[in-house]
Amino acid sequence: YQRRVRGFLLRIIILIFSMEEETLFSSENIILIKDQENQGPGNLTLTTVRITWVPVNTSFAVEEWEYQRVLMHAISKDSSLTHAPCVYCQLQGEDEEQLVEVRLVPYNPHQVQEIFDAFNQGAKLNPDPVQEGEGDFYFNEDEVNANFDGDQTTTDDVQNQGYVLQGEENEDLEEGQFDDADAMQE
């Protein structure tokens, strides 16, 4: 009975995905380790909107995350953490202060790169919302130069005289090497 219900639920989830979003990656037999607890194999699906893991063992819950909750993801080959290469993720927990660690370990180690690439693609399609005040670190060059007194170097001096960190000149730079970059900014 449980298998029929589980199969029915899985078909509903797939139907919902197919109506609203595109599948980036889908595979069976992906082991989920959540905060050091091995939850066994399950079906992993990464779509253009979310990440879903449906366990084979019904004693574990279905896991679903939006890409904005994924704080970072990387490929890990650390054999002290898992028996095989995996995709390691840090997720924002329900409480914003909470951090959840997840490892997705495919039976086929060649799928690690595919999972990672799907995470990259999903993250690009779901950027974090811009917070109020973000981006305020950009400045107006005239405002910055107005705050300098006559004894200090301006941004024009730095650009025109080739100043570099630690006061050393870089002999590899050629005159006018970055002129096209300046033109693109204007």
Protein backbone atom coordinates (compact mmCIF):
# COMPACT_ATOMS: atom_id res chain seq x y z
CA TYR A 1 0.00 0.00 0.00
CA GLN A 2 2.78 2.44 0.97
CA ARG A 3 4.57 1.81 -2.32
CA ARG A 4 1.43 2.62 -4.31
CA VAL A 5 0.83 5.83 -2.34
CA ARG A 6 4.49 6.79 -2.65
CA GLY A 7 4.45 6.09 -6.40
CA PHE A 8 1.27 8.12 -6.76
CA LEU A 9 2.80 11.06 -4.86
CA LEU A 10 5.95 10.87 -6.94
CA ARG A 11 3.89 11.01 -10.16
CA ILE A 12 1.99 14.06 -8.82
CA ILE A 13 5.27 15.81 -7.98
CA ILE A 14 6.62 15.08 -11.47
CA LEU A 15 3.37 16.32 -13.05
CA ILE A 16 3.55 19.57 -11.07
CA PHE A 17 7.18 20.04 -12.10
CA SER A 18 6.38 19.48 -15.75
CA MET A 19 3.60 22.11 -15.69
CA GLU A 20 5.56 24.95 -14.08
CA GLU A 21 9.25 24.32 -14.49
CA GLU A 22 11.93 22.57 -16.45
CA THR A 23 13.98 19.67 -15.14
CA LEU A 24 17.72 20.39 -15.03
CA PHE A 25 18.73 17.05 -13.51
CA SER A 26 16.89 13.97 -12.26
CA SER A 27 18.24 10.67 -10.99
CA GLU A 28 17.46 7.80 -8.67
CA ASN A 29 19.83 6.41 -6.05
CA ILE A 30 21.20 9.68 -4.71
CA ILE A 31 22.12 9.34 -1.04
CA LEU A 32 21.21 12.33 1.14
CA ILE A 33 23.26 13.05 4.25
CA LYS A 34 21.65 15.89 6.19
CA ASP A 35 23.55 17.28 9.17
CA GLN A 36 25.61 14.06 9.46
CA GLU A 37 22.49 11.81 9.31
CA ASN A 38 22.50 9.39 6.38
CA GLN A 39 18.94 9.30 5.07
CA GLY A 40 19.69 6.68 2.45
CA PRO A 41 19.01 6.75 -1.27
CA GLY A 42 16.29 8.71 -2.95
CA ASN A 43 15.24 10.38 -6.17
CA LEU A 44 16.87 13.78 -6.70
CA THR A 45 15.33 16.33 -9.06
CA LEU A 46 16.72 19.78 -9.72
CA THR A 47 14.40 22.02 -11.70
CA THR A 48 14.52 25.62 -12.79
CA VAL A 49 12.74 26.53 -9.53
CA ARG A 50 13.62 24.05 -6.76
CA ILE A 51 15.59 21.03 -5.55
CA THR A 52 13.61 17.99 -4.41
CA TRP A 53 14.79 14.73 -2.88
CA VAL A 54 12.22 11.93 -2.40
CA PRO A 55 13.52 9.14 -0.13
CA VAL A 56 13.18 5.46 -0.93
CA ASN A 57 12.76 4.78 2.80
CA THR A 58 9.41 6.25 3.81
CA SER A 59 10.60 6.87 7.38
CA PHE A 60 12.41 9.97 6.08
CA ALA A 61 10.64 13.09 4.87
CA VAL A 62 10.70 14.48 1.35
CA GLU A 63 13.19 17.35 1.24
CA GLU A 64 12.55 20.40 -0.92
CA TRP A 65 14.57 23.62 -1.13
CA GLU A 66 14.35 26.77 -3.17
CA TYR A 67 17.65 27.92 -4.66
CA GLN A 68 17.66 31.08 -2.50
CA ARG A 69 18.09 28.84 0.57
CA VAL A 70 21.30 27.34 -0.89
CA LEU A 71 24.05 29.50 0.57
CA MET A 72 26.80 27.58 -1.17
CA HIS A 73 27.40 24.38 -3.07
CA ALA A 74 30.63 22.64 -4.05
CA ILE A 75 32.04 19.32 -5.14
CA SER A 76 33.64 17.46 -2.24
CA LYS A 77 36.06 14.57 -2.63
CA ASP A 78 36.89 14.38 1.08
CA SER A 79 36.76 10.65 1.85
CA SER A 80 36.58 11.36 5.59
CA LEU A 81 33.09 12.83 5.07
CA THR A 82 31.58 10.38 2.57
CA HIS A 83 32.61 7.15 0.90
CA ALA A 84 32.50 8.77 -2.56
CA PRO A 85 32.61 12.23 -4.16
CA CYS A 86 29.51 14.31 -3.47
CA VAL A 87 27.92 17.70 -3.86
CA TYR A 88 28.19 19.52 -0.53
CA CYS A 89 25.65 22.26 0.25
CA GLN A 90 25.08 24.71 3.04
CA LEU A 91 21.43 25.70 3.34
CA GLN A 92 19.72 28.40 5.31
CA GLY A 93 17.53 26.69 7.90
CA GLU A 94 13.99 27.62 8.85
CA ASP A 95 15.49 30.03 11.37
CA GLU A 96 17.75 32.42 9.43
CA GLU A 97 20.53 31.86 11.96
CA GLN A 98 20.44 28.08 11.45
CA LEU A 99 22.80 26.42 8.97
CA VAL A 100 21.96 23.01 7.47
CA GLU A 101 24.68 20.89 5.85
CA VAL A 102 23.66 18.54 3.05
CA ARG A 103 25.69 16.06 1.04
CA LEU A 104 24.26 14.50 -2.12
CA VAL A 105 26.15 11.32 -2.95
CA PRO A 106 25.27 9.62 -6.24
CA TYR A 107 25.97 5.91 -6.69
CA ASN A 108 27.53 6.85 -10.01
CA PRO A 109 30.42 9.23 -9.17
CA HIS A 110 30.30 10.66 -12.71
CA GLN A 111 26.98 12.28 -11.80
CA VAL A 112 28.62 14.59 -9.24
CA GLN A 113 29.60 17.08 -11.93
CA GLU A 114 26.14 16.88 -13.53
CA ILE A 115 24.48 17.65 -10.18
CA PHE A 116 26.89 20.51 -9.54
CA ASP A 117 26.26 21.98 -13.02
CA ALA A 118 22.48 21.76 -12.46
CA PHE A 119 22.92 23.61 -9.13
CA ASN A 120 24.89 26.31 -10.97
CA GLN A 121 22.23 26.67 -13.63
CA GLY A 122 19.41 26.76 -11.08
CA ALA A 123 21.23 29.36 -8.98
CA LYS A 124 21.71 31.59 -12.05
CA LEU A 125 17.99 31.33 -12.84
CA ASN A 126 17.02 32.17 -9.24
CA PRO A 127 19.20 35.03 -7.99
CA ASP A 128 18.79 36.33 -4.48
CA PRO A 129 16.41 39.29 -4.26
CA VAL A 130 18.16 42.66 -3.98
CA GLN A 131 18.04 43.95 -0.42
CA GLU A 132 17.44 47.62 0.32
CA GLY A 133 20.77 49.41 0.47
CA GLU A 134 22.66 46.73 -1.49
CA GLY A 135 24.97 48.19 -4.06
CA ASP A 136 25.45 51.42 -2.12
CA PHE A 137 29.19 50.80 -2.12
CA TYR A 138 29.42 52.15 -5.68
CA PHE A 139 30.69 55.68 -5.74
CA ASN A 140 30.84 58.72 -7.95
CA GLU A 141 34.46 59.45 -8.90
CA ASP A 142 33.91 63.24 -8.64
CA GLU A 143 32.60 62.87 -5.07
CA VAL A 144 35.62 60.80 -4.09
CA ASN A 145 38.07 63.25 -5.69
CA ALA A 146 36.32 66.18 -3.94
CA ASN A 147 37.21 64.64 -0.57
CA PHE A 148 40.95 64.59 -1.32
CA ASP A 149 43.14 67.55 -0.42
CA GLY A 150 45.88 68.70 -2.78
CA ASP A 151 48.56 66.45 -1.22
CA GLN A 152 46.74 63.20 -1.87
CA THR A 153 46.63 61.07 -4.98
CA THR A 154 43.36 61.15 -6.94
CA THR A 155 41.86 58.28 -8.88
CA ASP A 156 43.02 60.01 -12.11
CA ASP A 157 46.61 60.04 -10.79
CA VAL A 158 46.41 56.35 -10.06
CA GLN A 159 45.08 55.57 -13.53
CA ASN A 160 47.46 57.88 -15.39
CA GLN A 161 50.68 57.26 -13.48
CA GLY A 162 50.40 53.50 -13.10
CA TYR A 163 50.47 53.37 -9.30
CA VAL A 164 50.32 49.85 -7.95
CA LEU A 165 50.08 48.38 -4.48
CA GLN A 166 53.24 48.53 -2.38
CA GLY A 167 54.65 51.35 -4.56
CA GLU A 168 56.28 49.04 -7.08
CA GLU A 169 55.79 49.42 -10.79
CA ASN A 170 54.59 46.44 -12.73
CA GLU A 171 56.89 45.98 -15.72
CA ASP A 172 54.40 43.63 -17.42
CA LEU A 173 51.89 46.46 -17.97
CA GLU A 174 51.96 48.22 -21.31
CA GLU A 175 51.02 51.87 -21.89
CA GLY A 176 47.30 52.09 -22.73
CA GLN A 177 46.68 48.41 -21.98
CA PHE A 178 43.37 49.13 -20.27
CA ASP A 179 42.14 52.02 -22.44
CA ASP A 180 39.37 49.91 -24.00
CA ALA A 181 38.08 49.00 -20.52
CA ASP A 182 37.80 52.69 -19.63
CA ALA A 183 35.90 53.38 -22.86
CA MET A 184 33.42 50.58 -22.07
CA GLN A 185 32.61 52.18 -18.69
CA GLU A 186 31.71 55.53 -20.27
